[in-house]
């Protein structure tokens, strides 16, 4: 990766081949099967933890985004905090009352 402002190298990343893609898709399918067994309440706790981690690392993430993309630092931090808010938003639904939600009957 190159800093778009200076052209200087700032990092490296791995390339994936078709086999890597297949393995990732299989892992995602296994993960989905496990995730759908987790209660809404527990999912909310997990997502809240992820949002809290993003918030606690927002400055570091924003600096990295600025170096990699040339994005203004304030914009990068706002984007990071916005992502944390989006990830953390299910907590409003994951309260114990979430178990009372049922699909609407169909006609």
PDB file of N, CA and C in Angstrom:
ATOM      1  N   UNK A   1       0.836  -1.165   0.000  1.00  0.00           N
ATOM      2  CA  UNK A   1       0.000   0.000   0.000  1.00  0.00           C
ATOM      3  C   UNK A   1       0.885   1.233   0.000  1.00  0.00           C
ATOM      4  N   UNK A   2       0.423   2.242  -0.721  1.00  0.00           N
ATOM      5  CA  UNK A   2       1.166   3.494  -0.802  1.00  0.00           C
ATOM      6  C   UNK A   2       0.346   4.634  -0.221  1.00  0.00           C
ATOM      7  N   UNK A   3       1.019   5.527   0.469  1.00  0.00           N
ATOM      8  CA  UNK A   3       0.383   6.748   0.939  1.00  0.00           C
ATOM      9  C   UNK A   3       0.068   7.579  -0.293  1.00  0.00           C
ATOM     10  N   UNK A   4      -1.201   7.926  -0.545  1.00  0.00           N
ATOM     11  CA  UNK A   4      -1.538   8.652  -1.766  1.00  0.00           C
ATOM     12  C   UNK A   4      -0.957  10.061  -1.815  1.00  0.00           C
ATOM     13  N   UNK A   5      -0.619  10.623  -0.664  1.00  0.00           N
ATOM     14  CA  UNK A   5      -0.063  11.976  -0.627  1.00  0.00           C
ATOM     15  C   UNK A   5       1.423  11.991  -0.939  1.00  0.00           C
ATOM     16  N   UNK A   6       2.137  10.944  -0.503  1.00  0.00           N
ATOM     17  CA  UNK A   6       3.595  10.945  -0.650  1.00  0.00           C
ATOM     18  C   UNK A   6       4.115   9.878  -1.600  1.00  0.00           C
ATOM     19  N   UNK A   7       3.297   8.863  -1.872  1.00  0.00           N
ATOM     20  CA  UNK A   7       3.758   7.750  -2.694  1.00  0.00           C
ATOM     21  C   UNK A   7       4.632   6.769  -1.932  1.00  0.00           C
ATOM     22  N   UNK A   8       4.842   7.030  -0.654  1.00  0.00           N
ATOM     23  CA  UNK A   8       5.687   6.158   0.171  1.00  0.00           C
ATOM     24  C   UNK A   8       4.919   4.897   0.579  1.00  0.00           C
ATOM     25  N   UNK A   9       5.627   3.761   0.651  1.00  0.00           N
ATOM     26  CA  UNK A   9       4.974   2.538   1.131  1.00  0.00           C
ATOM     27  C   UNK A   9       4.558   2.703   2.598  1.00  0.00           C
ATOM     28  N   UNK A  10       3.348   2.260   2.925  1.00  0.00           N
ATOM     29  CA  UNK A  10       2.868   2.344   4.307  1.00  0.00           C
ATOM     30  C   UNK A  10       2.433   0.989   4.852  1.00  0.00           C
ATOM     31  N   UNK A  11       2.439  -0.023   4.027  1.00  0.00           N
ATOM     32  CA  UNK A  11       2.044  -1.336   4.503  1.00  0.00           C
ATOM     33  C   UNK A  11       1.925  -2.324   3.366  1.00  0.00           C
ATOM     34  N   UNK A  12       1.641  -3.545   3.736  1.00  0.00           N
ATOM     35  CA  UNK A  12       1.447  -4.606   2.753  1.00  0.00           C
ATOM     36  C   UNK A  12       0.135  -5.315   3.057  1.00  0.00           C
ATOM     37  N   UNK A  13      -0.352  -6.051   2.107  1.00  0.00           N
ATOM     38  CA  UNK A  13      -1.538  -6.866   2.324  1.00  0.00           C
ATOM     39  C   UNK A  13      -1.388  -8.147   1.529  1.00  0.00           C
ATOM     40  N   UNK A  14      -2.111  -9.142   1.958  1.00  0.00           N
ATOM     41  CA  UNK A  14      -2.039 -10.447   1.306  1.00  0.00           C
ATOM     42  C   UNK A  14      -2.988 -10.490   0.118  1.00  0.00           C
ATOM     43  N   UNK A  15      -2.649 -11.302  -0.829  1.00  0.00           N
ATOM     44  CA  UNK A  15      -3.529 -11.569  -1.961  1.00  0.00           C
ATOM     45  C   UNK A  15      -4.144 -12.947  -1.765  1.00  0.00           C
ATOM     46  N   UNK A  16      -5.377 -13.099  -2.153  1.00  0.00           N
ATOM     47  CA  UNK A  16      -6.070 -14.377  -2.010  1.00  0.00           C
ATOM     48  C   UNK A  16      -6.248 -15.012  -3.381  1.00  0.00           C
ATOM     49  N   UNK A  17      -6.094 -16.325  -3.413  1.00  0.00           N
ATOM     50  CA  UNK A  17      -6.382 -17.043  -4.652  1.00  0.00           C
ATOM     51  C   UNK A  17      -7.753 -17.711  -4.517  1.00  0.00           C
ATOM     52  N   UNK A  18      -8.137 -18.457  -5.516  1.00  0.00           N
ATOM     53  CA  UNK A  18      -9.469 -19.079  -5.522  1.00  0.00           C
ATOM     54  C   UNK A  18      -9.649 -20.021  -4.330  1.00  0.00           C
ATOM     55  N   UNK A  19      -8.621 -20.779  -3.993  1.00  0.00           N
ATOM     56  CA  UNK A  19      -8.711 -21.700  -2.853  1.00  0.00           C
ATOM     57  C   UNK A  19      -8.931 -20.928  -1.548  1.00  0.00           C
ATOM     58  N   UNK A  20      -8.228 -19.811  -1.390  1.00  0.00           N
ATOM     59  CA  UNK A  20      -8.429 -18.973  -0.204  1.00  0.00           C
ATOM     60  C   UNK A  20      -9.874 -18.483  -0.133  1.00  0.00           C
ATOM     61  N   UNK A  21     -10.408 -18.087  -1.279  1.00  0.00           N
ATOM     62  CA  UNK A  21     -11.791 -17.620  -1.335  1.00  0.00           C
ATOM     63  C   UNK A  21     -12.756 -18.725  -0.927  1.00  0.00           C
ATOM     64  N   UNK A  22     -12.548 -19.915  -1.455  1.00  0.00           N
ATOM     65  CA  UNK A  22     -13.418 -21.043  -1.114  1.00  0.00           C
ATOM     66  C   UNK A  22     -13.364 -21.334   0.384  1.00  0.00           C
ATOM     67  N   UNK A  23     -12.173 -21.312   0.956  1.00  0.00           N
ATOM     68  CA  UNK A  23     -12.034 -21.559   2.392  1.00  0.00           C
ATOM     69  C   UNK A  23     -12.740 -20.474   3.203  1.00  0.00           C
ATOM     70  N   UNK A  24     -12.629 -19.234   2.766  1.00  0.00           N
ATOM     71  CA  UNK A  24     -13.290 -18.133   3.468  1.00  0.00           C
ATOM     72  C   UNK A  24     -14.805 -18.273   3.395  1.00  0.00           C
ATOM     73  N   UNK A  25     -15.316 -18.661   2.238  1.00  0.00           N
ATOM     74  CA  UNK A  25     -16.760 -18.845   2.090  1.00  0.00           C
ATOM     75  C   UNK A  25     -17.271 -19.990   2.963  1.00  0.00           C
ATOM     76  N   UNK A  26     -16.509 -21.071   3.025  1.00  0.00           N
ATOM     77  CA  UNK A  26     -16.896 -22.199   3.875  1.00  0.00           C
ATOM     78  C   UNK A  26     -16.881 -21.796   5.345  1.00  0.00           C
ATOM     79  N   UNK A  27     -15.866 -21.046   5.746  1.00  0.00           N
ATOM     80  CA  UNK A  27     -15.789 -20.585   7.135  1.00  0.00           C
ATOM     81  C   UNK A  27     -16.950 -19.652   7.461  1.00  0.00           C
ATOM     82  N   UNK A  28     -17.310 -18.797   6.519  1.00  0.00           N
ATOM     83  CA  UNK A  28     -18.438 -17.885   6.736  1.00  0.00           C
ATOM     84  C   UNK A  28     -19.740 -18.666   6.886  1.00  0.00           C
ATOM     85  N   UNK A  29     -19.915 -19.698   6.091  1.00  0.00           N
ATOM     86  CA  UNK A  29     -21.126 -20.517   6.191  1.00  0.00           C
ATOM     87  C   UNK A  29     -21.187 -21.220   7.547  1.00  0.00           C
ATOM     88  N   UNK A  30     -20.047 -21.741   8.009  1.00  0.00           N
ATOM     89  CA  UNK A  30     -20.016 -22.374   9.333  1.00  0.00           C
ATOM     90  C   UNK A  30     -20.311 -21.341  10.417  1.00  0.00           C
ATOM     91  N   UNK A  31     -19.726 -20.170  10.270  1.00  0.00           N
ATOM     92  CA  UNK A  31     -19.958 -19.116  11.250  1.00  0.00           C
ATOM     93  C   UNK A  31     -21.410 -18.692  11.305  1.00  0.00           C
ATOM     94  N   UNK A  32     -22.057 -18.615  10.146  1.00  0.00           N
ATOM     95  CA  UNK A  32     -23.467 -18.237  10.112  1.00  0.00           C
ATOM     96  C   UNK A  32     -24.315 -19.254  10.860  1.00  0.00           C
ATOM     97  N   UNK A  33     -24.016 -20.537  10.670  1.00  0.00           N
ATOM     98  CA  UNK A  33     -24.784 -21.576  11.366  1.00  0.00           C
ATOM     99  C   UNK A  33     -24.658 -21.419  12.879  1.00  0.00           C
ATOM    100  N   UNK A  34     -23.463 -21.100  13.340  1.00  0.00           N
ATOM    101  CA  UNK A  34     -23.264 -20.897  14.782  1.00  0.00           C
ATOM    102  C   UNK A  34     -23.930 -19.602  15.245  1.00  0.00           C
ATOM    103  N   UNK A  35     -23.776 -18.525  14.479  1.00  0.00           N
ATOM    104  CA  UNK A  35     -24.301 -17.206  14.854  1.00  0.00           C
ATOM    105  C   UNK A  35     -25.823 -17.223  14.966  1.00  0.00           C
ATOM    106  N   UNK A  36     -26.494 -17.951  14.085  1.00  0.00           N
ATOM    107  CA  UNK A  36     -27.956 -17.936  14.131  1.00  0.00           C
ATOM    108  C   UNK A  36     -28.497 -18.679  15.346  1.00  0.00           C
ATOM    109  N   UNK A  37     -27.651 -19.425  16.028  1.00  0.00           N
ATOM    110  CA  UNK A  37     -28.063 -20.102  17.260  1.00  0.00           C
ATOM    111  C   UNK A  37     -27.908 -19.203  18.494  1.00  0.00           C
ATOM    112  N   UNK A  38     -27.239 -18.072  18.323  1.00  0.00           N
ATOM    113  CA  UNK A  38     -27.009 -17.142  19.433  1.00  0.00           C
ATOM    114  C   UNK A  38     -28.266 -16.292  19.619  1.00  0.00           C
ATOM    115  N   UNK A  39     -28.680 -16.122  20.850  1.00  0.00           N
ATOM    116  CA  UNK A  39     -29.892 -15.339  21.122  1.00  0.00           C
ATOM    117  C   UNK A  39     -29.686 -13.877  20.719  1.00  0.00           C
ATOM    118  N   UNK A  40     -30.785 -13.183  20.470  1.00  0.00           N
ATOM    119  CA  UNK A  40     -30.720 -11.761  20.120  1.00  0.00           C
ATOM    120  C   UNK A  40     -30.040 -10.981  21.236  1.00  0.00           C
ATOM    121  N   UNK A  41     -30.318 -11.329  22.461  1.00  0.00           N
ATOM    122  CA  UNK A  41     -29.706 -10.641  23.600  1.00  0.00           C
ATOM    123  C   UNK A  41     -28.186 -10.800  23.571  1.00  0.00           C
ATOM    124  N   UNK A  42     -27.707 -12.038  23.376  1.00  0.00           N
ATOM    125  CA  UNK A  42     -26.264 -12.279  23.348  1.00  0.00           C
ATOM    126  C   UNK A  42     -25.609 -11.673  22.112  1.00  0.00           C
ATOM    127  N   UNK A  43     -26.299 -11.677  20.979  1.00  0.00           N
ATOM    128  CA  UNK A  43     -25.768 -11.008  19.789  1.00  0.00           C
ATOM    129  C   UNK A  43     -25.555  -9.533  20.078  1.00  0.00           C
ATOM    130  N   UNK A  44     -26.531  -8.931  20.740  1.00  0.00           N
ATOM    131  CA  UNK A  44     -26.415  -7.519  21.096  1.00  0.00           C
ATOM    132  C   UNK A  44     -25.203  -7.251  21.963  1.00  0.00           C
ATOM    133  N   UNK A  45     -24.941  -8.139  22.930  1.00  0.00           N
ATOM    134  CA  UNK A  45     -23.767  -7.971  23.793  1.00  0.00           C
ATOM    135  C   UNK A  45     -22.481  -8.050  22.973  1.00  0.00           C
ATOM    136  N   UNK A  46     -22.427  -8.988  22.047  1.00  0.00           N
ATOM    137  CA  UNK A  46     -21.235  -9.149  21.205  1.00  0.00           C
ATOM    138  C   UNK A  46     -21.039  -7.922  20.318  1.00  0.00           C
ATOM    139  N   UNK A  47     -22.111  -7.458  19.701  1.00  0.00           N
ATOM    140  CA  UNK A  47     -22.010  -6.284  18.827  1.00  0.00           C
ATOM    141  C   UNK A  47     -21.666  -5.025  19.616  1.00  0.00           C
ATOM    142  N   UNK A  48     -22.199  -4.913  20.826  1.00  0.00           N
ATOM    143  CA  UNK A  48     -21.855  -3.765  21.669  1.00  0.00           C
ATOM    144  C   UNK A  48     -20.358  -3.775  21.998  1.00  0.00           C
ATOM    145  N   UNK A  49     -19.810  -4.944  22.283  1.00  0.00           N
ATOM    146  CA  UNK A  49     -18.372  -5.073  22.562  1.00  0.00           C
ATOM    147  C   UNK A  49     -17.560  -4.657  21.333  1.00  0.00           C
ATOM    148  N   UNK A  50     -17.994  -5.092  20.146  1.00  0.00           N
ATOM    149  CA  UNK A  50     -17.298  -4.697  18.913  1.00  0.00           C
ATOM    150  C   UNK A  50     -17.352  -3.185  18.731  1.00  0.00           C
ATOM    151  N   UNK A  51     -18.513  -2.587  18.983  1.00  0.00           N
ATOM    152  CA  UNK A  51     -18.652  -1.132  18.859  1.00  0.00           C
ATOM    153  C   UNK A  51     -17.760  -0.422  19.865  1.00  0.00           C
ATOM    154  N   UNK A  52     -17.701  -0.933  21.084  1.00  0.00           N
ATOM    155  CA  UNK A  52     -16.841  -0.329  22.108  1.00  0.00           C
ATOM    156  C   UNK A  52     -15.369  -0.413  21.710  1.00  0.00           C
ATOM    157  N   UNK A  53     -14.964  -1.528  21.110  1.00  0.00           N
ATOM    158  CA  UNK A  53     -13.575  -1.663  20.649  1.00  0.00           C
ATOM    159  C   UNK A  53     -13.267  -0.659  19.540  1.00  0.00           C
ATOM    160  N   UNK A  54     -14.194  -0.490  18.604  1.00  0.00           N
ATOM    161  CA  UNK A  54     -13.994   0.515  17.552  1.00  0.00           C
ATOM    162  C   UNK A  54     -13.830   1.903  18.156  1.00  0.00           C
ATOM    163  N   UNK A  55     -14.698   2.246  19.098  1.00  0.00           N
ATOM    164  CA  UNK A  55     -14.617   3.570  19.726  1.00  0.00           C
ATOM    165  C   UNK A  55     -13.289   3.752  20.453  1.00  0.00           C
ATOM    166  N   UNK A  56     -12.835   2.728  21.151  1.00  0.00           N
ATOM    167  CA  UNK A  56     -11.592   2.847  21.918  1.00  0.00           C
ATOM    168  C   UNK A  56     -10.367   2.956  21.011  1.00  0.00           C
ATOM    169  N   UNK A  57     -10.488   2.509  19.790  1.00  0.00           N
ATOM    170  CA  UNK A  57      -9.364   2.552  18.845  1.00  0.00           C
ATOM    171  C   UNK A  57      -9.598   3.543  17.707  1.00  0.00           C
ATOM    172  N   UNK A  58     -10.578   4.414  17.864  1.00  0.00           N
ATOM    173  CA  UNK A  58     -10.966   5.331  16.783  1.00  0.00           C
ATOM    174  C   UNK A  58      -9.812   6.205  16.311  1.00  0.00           C
ATOM    175  N   UNK A  59      -9.000   6.708  17.228  1.00  0.00           N
ATOM    176  CA  UNK A  59      -7.886   7.573  16.820  1.00  0.00           C
ATOM    177  C   UNK A  59      -6.875   6.811  15.966  1.00  0.00           C
ATOM    178  N   UNK A  60      -6.521   5.609  16.412  1.00  0.00           N
ATOM    179  CA  UNK A  60      -5.563   4.784  15.668  1.00  0.00           C
ATOM    180  C   UNK A  60      -6.118   4.392  14.295  1.00  0.00           C
ATOM    181  N   UNK A  61      -7.370   3.989  14.258  1.00  0.00           N
ATOM    182  CA  UNK A  61      -7.998   3.606  12.991  1.00  0.00           C
ATOM    183  C   UNK A  61      -8.059   4.800  12.051  1.00  0.00           C
ATOM    184  N   UNK A  62      -8.415   5.957  12.592  1.00  0.00           N
ATOM    185  CA  UNK A  62      -8.500   7.168  11.769  1.00  0.00           C
ATOM    186  C   UNK A  62      -7.137   7.535  11.186  1.00  0.00           C
ATOM    187  N   UNK A  63      -6.088   7.429  11.988  1.00  0.00           N
ATOM    188  CA  UNK A  63      -4.733   7.724  11.470  1.00  0.00           C
ATOM    189  C   UNK A  63      -4.377   6.773  10.330  1.00  0.00           C
ATOM    190  N   UNK A  64      -4.692   5.498  10.508  1.00  0.00           N
ATOM    191  CA  UNK A  64      -4.398   4.516   9.460  1.00  0.00           C
ATOM    192  C   UNK A  64      -5.179   4.833   8.190  1.00  0.00           C
ATOM    193  N   UNK A  65      -6.449   5.170   8.326  1.00  0.00           N
ATOM    194  CA  UNK A  65      -7.262   5.514   7.155  1.00  0.00           C
ATOM    195  C   UNK A  65      -6.694   6.742   6.443  1.00  0.00           C
ATOM    196  N   UNK A  66      -6.246   7.707   7.210  1.00  0.00           N
ATOM    197  CA  UNK A  66      -5.680   8.926   6.627  1.00  0.00           C
ATOM    198  C   UNK A  66      -4.417   8.610   5.835  1.00  0.00           C
ATOM    199  N   UNK A  67      -3.566   7.779   6.402  1.00  0.00           N
ATOM    200  CA  UNK A  67      -2.324   7.412   5.713  1.00  0.00           C
ATOM    201  C   UNK A  67      -2.619   6.591   4.463  1.00  0.00           C
ATOM    202  N   UNK A  68      -3.520   5.622   4.569  1.00  0.00           N
ATOM    203  CA  UNK A  68      -3.806   4.730   3.445  1.00  0.00           C
ATOM    204  C   UNK A  68      -4.626   5.385   2.340  1.00  0.00           C
ATOM    205  N   UNK A  69      -5.559   6.270   2.717  1.00  0.00           N
ATOM    206  CA  UNK A  69      -6.512   6.793   1.740  1.00  0.00           C
ATOM    207  C   UNK A  69      -6.354   8.273   1.443  1.00  0.00           C
ATOM    208  N   UNK A  70      -5.612   8.976   2.287  1.00  0.00           N
ATOM    209  CA  UNK A  70      -5.508  10.414   2.115  1.00  0.00           C
ATOM    210  C   UNK A  70      -6.736  11.154   2.629  1.00  0.00           C
ATOM    211  N   UNK A  71      -7.570  10.472   3.369  1.00  0.00           N
ATOM    212  CA  UNK A  71      -8.801  11.047   3.921  1.00  0.00           C
ATOM    213  C   UNK A  71      -8.441  12.003   5.056  1.00  0.00           C
ATOM    214  N   UNK A  72      -9.138  13.147   5.160  1.00  0.00           N
ATOM    215  CA  UNK A  72      -8.881  14.037   6.297  1.00  0.00           C
ATOM    216  C   UNK A  72      -9.097  13.294   7.624  1.00  0.00           C
ATOM    217  N   UNK A  73      -8.251  13.585   8.595  1.00  0.00           N
ATOM    218  CA  UNK A  73      -8.285  12.871   9.868  1.00  0.00           C
ATOM    219  C   UNK A  73      -9.652  12.966  10.548  1.00  0.00           C
ATOM    220  N   UNK A  74     -10.239  14.153  10.577  1.00  0.00           N
ATOM    221  CA  UNK A  74     -11.544  14.316  11.234  1.00  0.00           C
ATOM    222  C   UNK A  74     -12.614  13.474  10.538  1.00  0.00           C
ATOM    223  N   UNK A  75     -12.564  13.421   9.221  1.00  0.00           N
ATOM    224  CA  UNK A  75     -13.534  12.612   8.474  1.00  0.00           C
ATOM    225  C   UNK A  75     -13.336  11.131   8.768  1.00  0.00           C
ATOM    226  N   UNK A  76     -12.082  10.697   8.826  1.00  0.00           N
ATOM    227  CA  UNK A  76     -11.788   9.294   9.108  1.00  0.00           C
ATOM    228  C   UNK A  76     -12.273   8.910  10.505  1.00  0.00           C
ATOM    229  N   UNK A  77     -12.058   9.793  11.474  1.00  0.00           N
ATOM    230  CA  UNK A  77     -12.523   9.488  12.830  1.00  0.00           C
ATOM    231  C   UNK A  77     -14.049   9.462  12.869  1.00  0.00           C
ATOM    232  N   UNK A  78     -14.690  10.397  12.190  1.00  0.00           N
ATOM    233  CA  UNK A  78     -16.148  10.407  12.139  1.00  0.00           C
ATOM    234  C   UNK A  78     -16.701   9.147  11.503  1.00  0.00           C
ATOM    235  N   UNK A  79     -16.040   8.683  10.463  1.00  0.00           N
ATOM    236  CA  UNK A  79     -16.474   7.450   9.801  1.00  0.00           C
ATOM    237  C   UNK A  79     -16.342   6.254  10.742  1.00  0.00           C
ATOM    238  N   UNK A  80     -15.244   6.218  11.486  1.00  0.00           N
ATOM    239  CA  UNK A  80     -15.020   5.129  12.436  1.00  0.00           C
ATOM    240  C   UNK A  80     -16.069   5.139  13.543  1.00  0.00           C
ATOM    241  N   UNK A  81     -16.333   6.319  14.094  1.00  0.00           N
ATOM    242  CA  UNK A  81     -17.337   6.419  15.155  1.00  0.00           C
ATOM    243  C   UNK A  81     -18.736   6.127  14.616  1.00  0.00           C
ATOM    244  N   UNK A  82     -18.992   6.515  13.374  1.00  0.00           N
ATOM    245  CA  UNK A  82     -20.277   6.195  12.755  1.00  0.00           C
ATOM    246  C   UNK A  82     -20.455   4.697  12.589  1.00  0.00           C
ATOM    247  N   UNK A  83     -19.375   4.015  12.212  1.00  0.00           N
ATOM    248  CA  UNK A  83     -19.434   2.554  12.094  1.00  0.00           C
ATOM    249  C   UNK A  83     -19.718   1.930  13.455  1.00  0.00           C
ATOM    250  N   UNK A  84     -19.087   2.461  14.502  1.00  0.00           N
ATOM    251  CA  UNK A  84     -19.340   1.947  15.853  1.00  0.00           C
ATOM    252  C   UNK A  84     -20.799   2.143  16.235  1.00  0.00           C
ATOM    253  N   UNK A  85     -21.359   3.299  15.899  1.00  0.00           N
ATOM    254  CA  UNK A  85     -22.773   3.546  16.202  1.00  0.00           C
ATOM    255  C   UNK A  85     -23.673   2.574  15.442  1.00  0.00           C
ATOM    256  N   UNK A  86     -23.331   2.307  14.188  1.00  0.00           N
ATOM    257  CA  UNK A  86     -24.126   1.377  13.383  1.00  0.00           C
ATOM    258  C   UNK A  86     -24.053  -0.033  13.957  1.00  0.00           C
ATOM    259  N   UNK A  87     -22.862  -0.470  14.292  1.00  0.00           N
ATOM    260  CA  UNK A  87     -22.690  -1.814  14.849  1.00  0.00           C
ATOM    261  C   UNK A  87     -23.366  -1.922  16.208  1.00  0.00           C
ATOM    262  N   UNK A  88     -23.280  -0.866  16.997  1.00  0.00           N
ATOM    263  CA  UNK A  88     -23.846  -0.896  18.340  1.00  0.00           C
ATOM    264  C   UNK A  88     -25.339  -0.689  18.395  1.00  0.00           C
ATOM    265  N   UNK A  89     -25.954  -0.261  17.299  1.00  0.00           N
ATOM    266  CA  UNK A  89     -27.381   0.060  17.333  1.00  0.00           C
ATOM    267  C   UNK A  89     -28.287  -1.125  17.634  1.00  0.00           C
ATOM    268  N   UNK A  90     -27.940  -2.367  17.276  1.00  0.00           N
ATOM    269  CA  UNK A  90     -28.848  -3.471  17.602  1.00  0.00           C
ATOM    270  C   UNK A  90     -29.090  -3.642  19.097  1.00  0.00           C
ATOM    271  N   UNK A  91     -28.257  -3.034  19.934  1.00  0.00           N
ATOM    272  CA  UNK A  91     -28.444  -3.204  21.374  1.00  0.00           C
ATOM    273  C   UNK A  91     -29.818  -2.706  21.822  1.00  0.00           C
ATOM    274  N   UNK A  92     -30.407  -1.763  21.081  1.00  0.00           N
ATOM    275  CA  UNK A  92     -31.737  -1.282  21.448  1.00  0.00           C
ATOM    276  C   UNK A  92     -32.776  -2.381  21.254  1.00  0.00           C
ATOM    277  N   UNK A  93     -32.521  -3.283  20.332  1.00  0.00           N
ATOM    278  CA  UNK A  93     -33.469  -4.359  20.055  1.00  0.00           C
ATOM    279  C   UNK A  93     -33.139  -5.596  20.873  1.00  0.00           C
ATOM    280  N   UNK A  94     -31.913  -5.691  21.359  1.00  0.00           N
ATOM    281  CA  UNK A  94     -31.466  -6.925  21.992  1.00  0.00           C
ATOM    282  C   UNK A  94     -31.745  -6.965  23.489  1.00  0.00           C
ATOM    283  N   UNK A  95     -32.527  -6.053  23.979  1.00  0.00           N
ATOM    284  CA  UNK A  95     -32.915  -6.102  25.382  1.00  0.00           C
ATOM    285  C   UNK A  95     -33.723  -7.374  25.620  1.00  0.00           C
ATOM    286  N   UNK A  96     -33.905  -7.763  26.864  1.00  0.00           N
ATOM    287  CA  UNK A  96     -34.660  -8.995  27.129  1.00  0.00           C
ATOM    288  C   UNK A  96     -36.033  -9.022  26.475  1.00  0.00           C
ATOM    289  N   UNK A  97     -36.610  -7.873  26.180  1.00  0.00           N
ATOM    290  CA  UNK A  97     -37.924  -7.855  25.536  1.00  0.00           C
ATOM    291  C   UNK A  97     -37.870  -8.343  24.098  1.00  0.00           C
ATOM    292  N   UNK A  98     -36.682  -8.459  23.521  1.00  0.00           N
ATOM    293  CA  UNK A  98     -36.567  -8.906  22.130  1.00  0.00           C
ATOM    294  C   UNK A  98     -37.172 -10.295  21.954  1.00  0.00           C
ATOM    295  N   UNK A  99     -37.158 -11.092  22.998  1.00  0.00           N
ATOM    296  CA  UNK A  99     -37.725 -12.439  22.897  1.00  0.00           C
ATOM    297  C   UNK A  99     -39.223 -12.402  22.636  1.00  0.00           C
ATOM    298  N   UNK A 100     -39.858 -11.275  22.936  1.00  0.00           N
ATOM    299  CA  UNK A 100     -41.301 -11.192  22.727  1.00  0.00           C
ATOM    300  C   UNK A 100     -41.671 -10.851  21.291  1.00  0.00           C
ATOM    301  N   UNK A 101     -40.701 -10.494  20.456  1.00  0.00           N
ATOM    302  CA  UNK A 101     -40.994 -10.181  19.059  1.00  0.00           C
ATOM    303  C   UNK A 101     -41.310 -11.467  18.312  1.00  0.00           C
ATOM    304  N   UNK A 102     -42.365 -11.441  17.541  1.00  0.00           N
ATOM    305  CA  UNK A 102     -42.760 -12.591  16.733  1.00  0.00           C
ATOM    306  C   UNK A 102     -43.083 -12.109  15.330  1.00  0.00           C
ATOM    307  N   UNK A 103     -42.858 -12.951  14.319  1.00  0.00           N
ATOM    308  CA  UNK A 103     -43.234 -12.560  12.958  1.00  0.00           C
ATOM    309  C   UNK A 103     -44.742 -12.326  12.864  1.00  0.00           C
ATOM    310  N   UNK A 104     -45.127 -11.387  12.038  1.00  0.00           N
ATOM    311  CA  UNK A 104     -46.548 -11.117  11.827  1.00  0.00           C
ATOM    312  C   UNK A 104     -47.171 -12.277  11.065  1.00  0.00           C
ATOM    313  N   UNK A 105     -48.413 -12.625  11.388  1.00  0.00           N
ATOM    314  CA  UNK A 105     -49.069 -13.701  10.633  1.00  0.00           C
ATOM    315  C   UNK A 105     -49.281 -13.265   9.187  1.00  0.00           C
ATOM    316  N   UNK A 106     -49.214 -14.215   8.289  1.00  0.00           N
ATOM    317  CA  UNK A 106     -49.432 -13.896   6.876  1.00  0.00           C
ATOM    318  C   UNK A 106     -50.881 -14.160   6.517  1.00  0.00           C
ATOM    319  N   UNK A 107     -51.353 -13.446   5.503  1.00  0.00           N
ATOM    320  CA  UNK A 107     -52.767 -13.576   5.094  1.00  0.00           C
ATOM    321  C   UNK A 107     -52.973 -14.808   4.255  1.00  0.00           C
TER     322      UNK A 107
END
